[in-house]
C-alpha atoms as a PDB file:
ATOM      1  CA  PHE A   1     114.486 167.824 249.673  1.00  0.00           C
ATOM      2  CA  GLU A   2     114.688 171.321 251.098  1.00  0.00           C
ATOM      3  CA  PHE A   3     111.954 173.594 252.181  1.00  0.00           C
ATOM      4  CA  THR A   4     111.268 177.085 253.511  1.00  0.00           C
ATOM      5  CA  MET A   5     108.229 178.072 255.546  1.00  0.00           C
ATOM      6  CA  THR A   6     107.667 181.805 256.093  1.00  0.00           C
ATOM      7  CA  LEU A   7     105.262 182.686 258.933  1.00  0.00           C
ATOM      8  CA  ASP A   8     103.727 185.972 260.064  1.00  0.00           C
ATOM      9  CA  GLY A   9     105.614 186.894 263.287  1.00  0.00           C
ATOM     10  CA  PRO A  10     104.844 189.573 265.919  1.00  0.00           C
ATOM     11  CA  THR A  11     107.724 191.766 264.722  1.00  0.00           C
ATOM     12  CA  GLY A  12     108.034 190.550 261.097  1.00  0.00           C
ATOM     13  CA  PRO A  13     108.245 187.370 259.046  1.00  0.00           C
ATOM     14  CA  LEU A  14     109.721 184.244 260.571  1.00  0.00           C
ATOM     15  CA  ASN A  15     111.634 181.889 258.197  1.00  0.00           C
ATOM     16  CA  LEU A  16     111.975 178.233 259.053  1.00  0.00           C
ATOM     17  CA  THR A  17     114.356 176.388 256.755  1.00  0.00           C
ATOM     18  CA  ALA A  18     115.011 172.677 256.613  1.00  0.00           C
ATOM     19  CA  LYS A  19     116.895 170.137 254.542  1.00  0.00           C
ATOM     20  CA  GLY A  20     116.398 166.384 254.587  1.00  0.00           C
ATOM     21  CA  ALA A  21     116.220 163.039 252.828  1.00  0.00           C
ATOM     22  CA  SER A  22     113.427 160.510 252.475  1.00  0.00           C
ATOM     23  CA  ASP A  23     113.076 156.887 251.511  1.00  0.00           C
ATOM     24  CA  SER A  24     109.305 156.732 250.943  1.00  0.00           C
ATOM     25  CA  SER A  25     109.187 152.958 250.530  1.00  0.00           C
ATOM     26  CA  VAL A  26     110.172 152.306 254.212  1.00  0.00           C
ATOM     27  CA  PRO A  27     109.119 155.027 255.250  1.00  0.00           C
ATOM     28  CA  LEU A  28     112.163 156.702 256.688  1.00  0.00           C
ATOM     29  CA  MET A  29     112.863 160.394 256.756  1.00  0.00           C
ATOM     30  CA  SER A  30     115.507 162.642 258.255  1.00  0.00           C
ATOM     31  CA  LEU A  31     115.217 166.419 258.606  1.00  0.00           C
ATOM     32  CA  ASP A  32     117.400 169.208 259.910  1.00  0.00           C
ATOM     33  CA  MET A  33     115.399 172.390 260.672  1.00  0.00           C
ATOM     34  CA  ASP A  34     116.872 175.696 261.572  1.00  0.00           C
ATOM     35  CA  MET A  35     114.771 177.264 264.351  1.00  0.00           C
ATOM     36  CA  ALA A  36     117.012 180.362 264.734  1.00  0.00           C
ATOM     37  CA  SER A  37     114.420 182.843 263.490  1.00  0.00           C
ATOM     38  CA  ILE A  38     112.067 182.034 266.401  1.00  0.00           C
ATOM     39  CA  ILE A  39     114.724 182.371 269.110  1.00  0.00           C
ATOM     40  CA  PRO A  40     115.619 186.052 269.634  1.00  0.00           C
ATOM     41  CA  GLY A  41     119.342 186.857 269.154  1.00  0.00           C
ATOM     42  CA  THR A  42     120.179 183.500 267.503  1.00  0.00           C
ATOM     43  CA  PRO A  43     122.123 183.740 264.228  1.00  0.00           C
ATOM     44  CA  PRO A  44     121.094 181.588 261.246  1.00  0.00           C
ATOM     45  CA  GLY A  45     122.237 178.000 261.749  1.00  0.00           C
ATOM     46  CA  GLY A  46     122.537 178.483 265.453  1.00  0.00           C
ATOM     47  CA  ALA A  47     119.533 176.399 266.514  1.00  0.00           C
ATOM     48  CA  VAL A  48     119.282 173.362 264.287  1.00  0.00           C
ATOM     49  CA  VAL A  49     116.811 170.593 265.397  1.00  0.00           C
ATOM     50  CA  SER A  50     117.515 167.264 263.795  1.00  0.00           C
ATOM     51  CA  THR A  51     114.666 164.731 263.415  1.00  0.00           C
ATOM     52  CA  VAL A  52     114.500 161.113 262.223  1.00  0.00           C
ATOM     53  CA  PHE A  53     111.078 159.507 261.625  1.00  0.00           C
ATOM     54  CA  ASP A  54     110.686 155.736 261.030  1.00  0.00           C
ATOM     55  CA  GLY A  55     106.912 155.375 261.083  1.00  0.00           C
ATOM     56  CA  LYS A  56     106.721 154.265 264.673  1.00  0.00           C
ATOM     57  CA  ALA A  57     108.808 156.773 266.568  1.00  0.00           C
ATOM     58  CA  VAL A  58     110.389 160.236 266.150  1.00  0.00           C
ATOM     59  CA  TYR A  59     113.958 160.869 267.215  1.00  0.00           C
ATOM     60  CA  ILE A  60     114.823 164.481 267.943  1.00  0.00           C
ATOM     61  CA  ARG A  61     118.271 166.012 268.564  1.00  0.00           C
ATOM     62  CA  PHE A  62     117.914 169.414 270.216  1.00  0.00           C
ATOM     63  CA  PRO A  63     120.557 172.188 269.983  1.00  0.00           C
ATOM     64  CA  GLU A  64     122.252 173.095 273.215  1.00  0.00           C
ATOM     65  CA  GLU A  65     119.983 176.140 273.728  1.00  0.00           C
ATOM     66  CA  LEU A  66     116.895 173.904 273.764  1.00  0.00           C
ATOM     67  CA  ALA A  67     118.301 170.798 275.423  1.00  0.00           C
ATOM     68  CA  ALA A  68     118.550 172.180 278.988  1.00  0.00           C
ATOM     69  CA  GLY A  69     115.554 170.135 280.126  1.00  0.00           C
ATOM     70  CA  LEU A  70     116.971 166.775 279.069  1.00  0.00           C
ATOM     71  CA  PRO A  71     118.670 164.646 281.787  1.00  0.00           C
ATOM     72  CA  GLY A  72     122.390 163.936 281.964  1.00  0.00           C
ATOM     73  CA  GLY A  73     123.430 166.389 279.266  1.00  0.00           C
ATOM     74  CA  LYS A  74     121.616 164.302 276.666  1.00  0.00           C
ATOM     75  CA  ARG A  75     120.779 165.894 273.319  1.00  0.00           C
ATOM     76  CA  TRP A  76     118.528 163.154 271.731  1.00  0.00           C
ATOM     77  CA  ALA A  77     115.016 162.280 272.706  1.00  0.00           C
ATOM     78  CA  ARG A  78     112.835 159.461 271.419  1.00  0.00           C
ATOM     79  CA  LEU A  79     109.078 159.899 271.102  1.00  0.00           C
ATOM     80  CA  ASP A  80     107.170 156.665 270.643  1.00  0.00           C
ATOM     81  CA  LEU A  81     104.017 157.627 268.739  1.00  0.00           C
ATOM     82  CA  ALA A  82     101.819 154.930 270.324  1.00  0.00           C
ATOM     83  CA  ALA A  83     102.847 155.929 273.880  1.00  0.00           C
ATOM     84  CA  LEU A  84     102.660 159.614 273.072  1.00  0.00           C
ATOM     85  CA  SER A  85      99.155 159.361 271.592  1.00  0.00           C
ATOM     86  CA  ALA A  86      97.954 157.264 274.578  1.00  0.00           C
ATOM     87  CA  GLY A  87      99.289 159.852 277.056  1.00  0.00           C
ATOM     88  CA  ALA A  88      97.861 162.800 275.171  1.00  0.00           C
ATOM     89  CA  GLY A  89      94.564 161.116 274.194  1.00  0.00           C
ATOM     90  CA  ILE A  90      95.318 161.381 270.493  1.00  0.00           C
ATOM     91  CA  ASP A  91      94.706 158.598 268.047  1.00  0.00           C
ATOM     92  CA  ALA A  92      98.029 156.922 267.143  1.00  0.00           C
ATOM     93  CA  GLY A  93      96.985 156.569 263.491  1.00  0.00           C
ATOM     94  CA  ASP A  94      96.252 160.330 263.273  1.00  0.00           C
ATOM     95  CA  LEU A  95      99.568 161.142 264.822  1.00  0.00           C
ATOM     96  CA  ALA A  96     101.496 158.852 262.432  1.00  0.00           C
ATOM     97  CA  ALA A  97      99.539 160.285 259.528  1.00  0.00           C
ATOM     98  CA  GLN A  98     100.515 163.793 260.632  1.00  0.00           C
ATOM     99  CA  PHE A  99     104.215 162.850 260.261  1.00  0.00           C
ATOM    100  CA  ASN A 100     103.523 160.896 257.021  1.00  0.00           C
ATOM    101  CA  SER A 101     101.882 163.962 255.538  1.00  0.00           C
ATOM    102  CA  SER A 102     105.298 165.720 255.874  1.00  0.00           C
ATOM    103  CA  ASP A 103     106.769 163.039 253.556  1.00  0.00           C
ATOM    104  CA  PRO A 104     107.851 164.776 250.349  1.00  0.00           C
ATOM    105  CA  LEU A 105     106.056 161.959 248.381  1.00  0.00           C
ATOM    106  CA  ALA A 106     102.831 162.898 250.128  1.00  0.00           C
ATOM    107  CA  ASN A 107     103.260 166.529 249.051  1.00  0.00           C
ATOM    108  CA  ILE A 108     103.892 165.463 245.491  1.00  0.00           C
ATOM    109  CA  ALA A 109     100.813 163.162 245.627  1.00  0.00           C
ATOM    110  CA  LEU A 110      98.664 166.282 246.115  1.00  0.00           C
ATOM    111  CA  LEU A 111      99.221 167.041 242.401  1.00  0.00           C
ATOM    112  CA  THR A 112      97.043 164.059 241.401  1.00  0.00           C
ATOM    113  CA  GLY A 113      94.082 166.190 242.591  1.00  0.00           C
ATOM    114  CA  ALA A 114      94.665 168.935 239.978  1.00  0.00           C
ATOM    115  CA  ALA A 115      91.169 170.255 239.112  1.00  0.00           C
ATOM    116  CA  GLY A 116      90.084 172.552 236.328  1.00  0.00           C
ATOM    117  CA  GLU A 117      92.492 174.504 234.127  1.00  0.00           C
ATOM    118  CA  ILE A 118      96.292 174.115 234.567  1.00  0.00           C
ATOM    119  CA  THR A 119      98.073 177.333 233.595  1.00  0.00           C
ATOM    120  CA  GLU A 120     101.670 177.127 232.229  1.00  0.00           C
ATOM    121  CA  VAL A 121     103.625 180.134 233.418  1.00  0.00           C
ATOM    122  CA  GLY A 122     106.794 179.430 231.502  1.00  0.00           C
ATOM    123  CA  THR A 123     110.098 177.598 231.582  1.00  0.00           C
ATOM    124  CA  GLU A 124     112.418 178.099 234.549  1.00  0.00           C
ATOM    125  CA  GLU A 125     115.526 176.451 236.018  1.00  0.00           C
ATOM    126  CA  VAL A 126     115.434 174.874 239.467  1.00  0.00           C
ATOM    127  CA  ARG A 127     118.918 173.957 240.781  1.00  0.00           C
ATOM    128  CA  GLY A 128     120.203 173.933 237.250  1.00  0.00           C
ATOM    129  CA  VAL A 129     117.408 171.713 235.854  1.00  0.00           C
ATOM    130  CA  SER A 130     114.984 173.080 233.210  1.00  0.00           C
ATOM    131  CA  THR A 131     111.351 172.873 234.336  1.00  0.00           C
ATOM    132  CA  ARG A 132     107.872 173.904 233.275  1.00  0.00           C
ATOM    133  CA  HIS A 133     106.291 176.180 235.868  1.00  0.00           C
ATOM    134  CA  LEU A 134     102.609 175.366 236.318  1.00  0.00           C
ATOM    135  CA  LYS A 135      99.804 176.828 238.369  1.00  0.00           C
ATOM    136  CA  MET A 136      96.691 174.857 239.355  1.00  0.00           C
ATOM    137  CA  THR A 137      94.060 174.311 242.025  1.00  0.00           C
ATOM    138  CA  VAL A 138      94.240 171.027 243.854  1.00  0.00           C
ATOM    139  CA  ASP A 139      91.125 169.220 245.012  1.00  0.00           C
ATOM    140  CA  LEU A 140      92.262 167.159 248.042  1.00  0.00           C
ATOM    141  CA  GLU A 141      89.254 164.846 247.809  1.00  0.00           C
ATOM    142  CA  LYS A 142      90.002 164.199 244.190  1.00  0.00           C
ATOM    143  CA  ALA A 143      93.654 163.472 245.082  1.00  0.00           C
ATOM    144  CA  THR A 144      92.477 160.799 247.526  1.00  0.00           C
ATOM    145  CA  GLU A 145      90.206 159.257 244.880  1.00  0.00           C
ATOM    146  CA  GLN A 146      92.953 159.228 242.303  1.00  0.00           C
ATOM    147  CA  LEU A 147      95.370 157.586 244.665  1.00  0.00           C
ATOM    148  CA  THR A 148      92.714 154.951 245.512  1.00  0.00           C
ATOM    149  CA  SER A 149      91.951 154.053 241.875  1.00  0.00           C
ATOM    150  CA  LYS A 150      95.329 154.424 240.179  1.00  0.00           C
ATOM    151  CA  ILE A 151      98.147 153.614 242.642  1.00  0.00           C
ATOM    152  CA  SER A 152      98.973 150.318 244.265  1.00  0.00           C
ATOM    153  CA  GLY A 153     101.872 148.883 246.239  1.00  0.00           C
ATOM    154  CA  PRO A 154     103.228 149.266 249.786  1.00  0.00           C
ATOM    155  CA  SER A 155     103.209 153.078 249.727  1.00  0.00           C
ATOM    156  CA  ALA A 156      99.710 153.489 248.278  1.00  0.00           C
ATOM    157  CA  GLU A 157      97.661 153.119 251.512  1.00  0.00           C
ATOM    158  CA  ARG A 158     100.062 155.262 253.500  1.00  0.00           C
ATOM    159  CA  LEU A 159      99.881 158.005 250.833  1.00  0.00           C
ATOM    160  CA  LYS A 160      96.066 157.952 250.841  1.00  0.00           C
ATOM    161  CA  VAL A 161      96.068 158.319 254.636  1.00  0.00           C
ATOM    162  CA  ALA A 162      98.657 161.069 254.466  1.00  0.00           C
ATOM    163  CA  VAL A 163      96.734 163.089 251.832  1.00  0.00           C
ATOM    164  CA  THR A 164      93.544 162.688 253.863  1.00  0.00           C
ATOM    165  CA  GLN A 165      95.425 163.925 256.962  1.00  0.00           C
ATOM    166  CA  ALA A 166      96.882 166.813 254.961  1.00  0.00           C
ATOM    167  CA  ALA A 167      93.345 167.923 254.059  1.00  0.00           C
ATOM    168  CA  HIS A 168      92.409 167.732 257.743  1.00  0.00           C
ATOM    169  CA  THR A 169      95.493 169.671 258.793  1.00  0.00           C
ATOM    170  CA  LEU A 170      95.119 172.342 256.177  1.00  0.00           C
ATOM    171  CA  GLY A 171      91.422 172.711 256.993  1.00  0.00           C
ATOM    172  CA  VAL A 172      90.442 173.191 253.349  1.00  0.00           C
ATOM    173  CA  THR A 173      89.284 170.981 250.489  1.00  0.00           C
ATOM    174  CA  GLN A 174      90.875 172.958 247.706  1.00  0.00           C
ATOM    175  CA  MET A 175      94.079 174.988 247.532  1.00  0.00           C
ATOM    176  CA  PRO A 176      96.076 176.796 244.829  1.00  0.00           C
ATOM    177  CA  ILE A 177      99.493 175.291 244.210  1.00  0.00           C
ATOM    178  CA  GLU A 178     102.449 175.965 241.937  1.00  0.00           C
ATOM    179  CA  ALA A 179     104.635 173.152 240.571  1.00  0.00           C
ATOM    180  CA  TRP A 180     107.852 173.050 238.633  1.00  0.00           C
ATOM    181  CA  ILE A 181     108.053 169.823 236.599  1.00  0.00           C
ATOM    182  CA  ASP A 182     111.147 168.590 234.725  1.00  0.00           C
ATOM    183  CA  ALA A 183     111.335 166.804 231.394  1.00  0.00           C
ATOM    184  CA  ASP A 184     111.035 163.365 233.071  1.00  0.00           C
ATOM    185  CA  GLY A 185     107.787 164.417 234.832  1.00  0.00           C
ATOM    186  CA  LEU A 186     109.497 164.748 238.227  1.00  0.00           C
ATOM    187  CA  PRO A 187     108.531 167.651 240.462  1.00  0.00           C
ATOM    188  CA  ARG A 188     111.482 169.885 241.255  1.00  0.00           C
ATOM    189  CA  ARG A 189     109.670 172.540 243.348  1.00  0.00           C
ATOM    190  CA  LEU A 190     106.213 172.966 244.919  1.00  0.00           C
ATOM    191  CA  ALA A 191     104.856 176.192 246.461  1.00  0.00           C
ATOM    192  CA  TYR A 192     101.619 176.918 248.228  1.00  0.00           C
ATOM    193  CA  GLU A 193     100.099 179.073 251.033  1.00  0.00           C
ATOM    194  CA  MET A 194      98.415 177.875 254.251  1.00  0.00           C
ATOM    195  CA  ASP A 195      95.735 179.829 256.042  1.00  0.00           C
ATOM    196  CA  LEU A 196      96.770 179.224 259.645  1.00  0.00           C
ATOM    197  CA  SER A 197      93.318 180.210 260.991  1.00  0.00           C
ATOM    198  CA  LYS A 198      91.893 177.081 259.235  1.00  0.00           C
ATOM    199  CA  ALA A 199      94.893 174.781 259.770  1.00  0.00           C
ATOM    200  CA  LYS A 200      94.877 172.369 262.654  1.00  0.00           C
ATOM    201  CA  ALA A 201      96.874 169.376 263.996  1.00  0.00           C
ATOM    202  CA  PRO A 202      95.948 166.366 266.141  1.00  0.00           C
ATOM    203  CA  GLY A 203      95.703 167.420 269.807  1.00  0.00           C
ATOM    204  CA  ALA A 204      95.717 171.097 268.878  1.00  0.00           C
ATOM    205  CA  GLU A 205      91.973 171.556 268.469  1.00  0.00           C
ATOM    206  CA  GLY A 206      90.729 174.801 269.972  1.00  0.00           C
ATOM    207  CA  THR A 207      94.117 176.574 269.706  1.00  0.00           C
ATOM    208  CA  ALA A 208      94.000 179.894 267.824  1.00  0.00           C
ATOM    209  CA  ALA A 209      96.314 180.779 264.995  1.00  0.00           C
ATOM    210  CA  THR A 210      96.259 183.660 262.582  1.00  0.00           C
ATOM    211  CA  GLY A 211      98.008 184.778 259.454  1.00  0.00           C
ATOM    212  CA  THR A 212      99.423 182.729 256.642  1.00  0.00           C
ATOM    213  CA  ALA A 213     102.360 180.426 256.019  1.00  0.00           C
ATOM    214  CA  GLN A 214     104.172 180.421 252.679  1.00  0.00           C
ATOM    215  CA  VAL A 215     105.650 177.000 251.903  1.00  0.00           C
ATOM    216  CA  SER A 216     108.254 176.242 249.233  1.00  0.00           C
ATOM    217  CA  MET A 217     109.726 172.729 248.754  1.00  0.00           C
ATOM    218  CA  GLU A 218     112.480 171.693 246.373  1.00  0.00           C
ATOM    219  CA  PHE A 219     113.299 168.090 245.426  1.00  0.00           C
ATOM    220  CA  PHE A 220     116.653 166.781 244.056  1.00  0.00           C
ATOM    221  CA  ASP A 221     118.988 163.821 243.872  1.00  0.00           C
ATOM    222  CA  PHE A 222     116.117 161.494 242.917  1.00  0.00           C
ATOM    223  CA  GLY A 223     117.037 157.780 243.256  1.00  0.00           C
ATOM    224  CA  GLU A 224     120.229 158.258 245.263  1.00  0.00           C
ATOM    225  CA  ASP A 225     120.742 156.149 248.380  1.00  0.00           C
ATOM    226  CA  VAL A 226     119.487 157.651 251.602  1.00  0.00           C
ATOM    227  CA  ASN A 227     121.889 157.331 254.524  1.00  0.00           C
END
């Protein structure tokens, strides 16, 4: 998967780009995010933060510019979610769900909450694949209900928790979303907008944020091995 998040910055838009891979059955996810746009004077690709998440811990590799505080010239840090939540007074389940909600499969699962009319915009290509471009409003509570009644297996409960956490993080119960679906019914791109004044994350209650974030995610190489 690959995604772009565009935020309102003090001097103009900030673009965070990332590319990664996910095995949602484990779960296991890796992600390389370019943070250059939020570090003045840094060229694109000059501040890549690499992250690996295995459901229990987060492993982060900092670029040289951000690794000065680590001991012994180290670049990797391990954050145990249980220990982190205990130290910060955050529920470990909420913290794990926060990372799970970043799973591409959790984002795709939001589509099960499509409510009302679905508008077909037209046919477009995404990475060379023909897709149907659709617009809809997603009801996050409906998505949770659909996942509860129609999906089973090892990923089902994690997805339900992740979608519930996504609703909490976004701070809304409904949201417009665009989806590009291929001939096999696989999502190739999702796009939506977040109102940052309503969004929140575990441990960040009371912090003020303004503006919007435009999010676009693309999915490809379905079924290939994740290394």
